[in-house]
Amino acid sequence: MNRARTIVVSAVLLLLAACAASTPSKREMILGSWQADFQGQSIVLNYSATEISVESFGVSFPYAWLDDDRIRLDAMGQEVISTVEFVTPDEMVQTSDQGVQTLRRVQ
């Protein structure tokens, strides 16, 4: 009886440890609202699975993941490829040929 209990407890602990150690993918982390400053103006970008919408301008741009780290977006005919990194779950840095942009999650 004790041996069976030990095995069950061990299995549950391993399962809990595996769940706690897993982190969401960048594709999951990018979803939601992000604040950024562009040319001195603060704007909010809303990321869905396939689109970035800019609240204050009422426009949206399609984007797609090229791999686990890079996205390609089409901003009014201009294609931009950005590398996406997360400093924390609430701070994202996107690096492209146009420069480096830091975005902070809107709570």
Protein backbone atom coordinates (compact mmCIF):
# COMPACT_ATOMS: atom_id res chain seq x y z
CA MET A 1 0.00 0.00 0.00
CA ASN A 2 2.79 2.43 0.91
CA ARG A 3 4.68 1.61 -2.27
CA ALA A 4 1.64 2.36 -4.47
CA ARG A 5 1.07 5.64 -2.62
CA THR A 6 4.73 6.60 -3.09
CA ILE A 7 4.53 5.89 -6.81
CA VAL A 8 1.34 7.94 -7.20
CA VAL A 9 2.74 10.86 -5.19
CA SER A 10 5.98 10.77 -7.21
CA ALA A 11 4.06 10.75 -10.48
CA VAL A 12 1.92 13.70 -9.41
CA LEU A 13 4.99 15.66 -8.30
CA LEU A 14 6.72 15.00 -11.62
CA LEU A 15 3.64 16.13 -13.50
CA LEU A 16 3.39 19.32 -11.45
CA ALA A 17 7.09 20.05 -11.96
CA ALA A 18 6.74 19.58 -15.73
CA CYS A 19 3.75 21.93 -15.87
CA ALA A 20 5.50 24.58 -13.78
CA ALA A 21 8.63 24.40 -15.93
CA SER A 22 6.86 24.84 -19.26
CA THR A 23 6.71 28.37 -20.61
CA PRO A 24 4.29 29.71 -23.18
CA SER A 25 5.56 30.11 -26.72
CA LYS A 26 6.28 33.53 -28.22
CA ARG A 27 3.20 33.02 -30.40
CA GLU A 28 1.13 32.86 -27.21
CA MET A 29 3.02 35.58 -25.35
CA ILE A 30 2.63 38.17 -28.12
CA LEU A 31 -1.18 38.07 -27.97
CA GLY A 32 -2.84 41.07 -26.34
CA SER A 33 -2.31 44.80 -26.06
CA TRP A 34 1.12 46.44 -26.07
CA GLN A 35 2.14 50.08 -25.59
CA ALA A 36 5.00 51.52 -27.63
CA ASP A 37 6.45 54.92 -28.46
CA PHE A 38 6.89 55.79 -32.13
CA GLN A 39 8.48 59.12 -33.00
CA GLY A 40 7.52 60.54 -29.61
CA GLN A 41 3.92 59.36 -29.76
CA SER A 42 2.60 56.65 -27.45
CA ILE A 43 0.35 54.13 -29.19
CA VAL A 44 -1.32 50.85 -28.29
CA LEU A 45 -0.94 47.86 -30.58
CA ASN A 46 -3.32 44.90 -30.28
CA TYR A 47 -1.84 41.59 -31.43
CA SER A 48 -4.18 38.80 -32.48
CA ALA A 49 -2.93 35.53 -33.96
CA THR A 50 -2.69 37.07 -37.47
CA GLU A 51 -3.13 40.82 -37.19
CA ILE A 52 -1.76 43.90 -35.43
CA SER A 53 -4.29 46.69 -34.96
CA VAL A 54 -3.40 50.23 -33.97
CA GLU A 55 -6.19 51.58 -31.76
CA SER A 56 -5.55 55.29 -32.16
CA PHE A 57 -5.34 55.16 -35.98
CA GLY A 58 -8.05 52.60 -36.65
CA VAL A 59 -5.78 50.56 -38.93
CA SER A 60 -4.50 47.01 -38.86
CA PHE A 61 -1.68 45.07 -40.50
CA PRO A 62 -1.44 41.35 -41.17
CA TYR A 63 1.54 39.51 -39.75
CA ALA A 64 2.83 35.95 -39.86
CA TRP A 65 5.44 33.97 -37.97
CA LEU A 66 8.40 32.98 -40.14
CA ASP A 67 9.85 30.74 -37.43
CA ASP A 68 9.86 30.63 -33.62
CA ASP A 69 11.57 34.02 -33.32
CA ARG A 70 10.68 36.18 -36.33
CA ILE A 71 7.52 37.78 -37.66
CA ARG A 72 6.85 39.40 -41.01
CA LEU A 73 4.30 42.19 -41.22
CA ASP A 74 2.96 44.16 -44.14
CA ALA A 75 2.54 47.77 -43.03
CA MET A 76 0.82 49.60 -45.88
CA GLY A 77 2.86 47.86 -48.54
CA GLN A 78 6.14 47.89 -46.64
CA GLU A 79 7.32 44.46 -45.52
CA VAL A 80 9.09 44.41 -42.16
CA ILE A 81 10.74 41.35 -40.62
CA SER A 82 11.30 41.60 -36.88
CA THR A 83 12.99 39.34 -34.37
CA VAL A 84 10.79 39.04 -31.27
CA GLU A 85 12.30 38.64 -27.81
CA PHE A 86 10.64 38.77 -24.41
CA VAL A 87 12.67 40.37 -21.61
CA THR A 88 9.79 39.49 -19.28
CA PRO A 89 6.23 38.36 -20.06
CA ASP A 90 5.29 42.06 -19.95
CA GLU A 91 8.20 43.53 -21.96
CA MET A 92 8.81 42.64 -25.59
CA VAL A 93 11.65 43.83 -27.81
CA GLN A 94 11.33 43.72 -31.59
CA THR A 95 14.46 44.21 -33.69
CA SER A 96 14.35 44.87 -37.43
CA ASP A 97 16.34 46.72 -40.08
CA GLN A 98 14.34 49.80 -39.03
CA GLY A 99 15.66 49.63 -35.46
CA VAL A 100 14.83 48.31 -32.01
CA GLN A 101 11.38 48.80 -30.49
CA THR A 102 10.50 48.07 -26.86
CA LEU A 103 6.85 47.36 -26.09
CA ARG A 104 5.19 46.98 -22.70
CA ARG A 105 2.06 44.98 -22.09
CA VAL A 106 -1.05 47.02 -21.34
CA GLN A 107 -2.62 45.67 -18.15
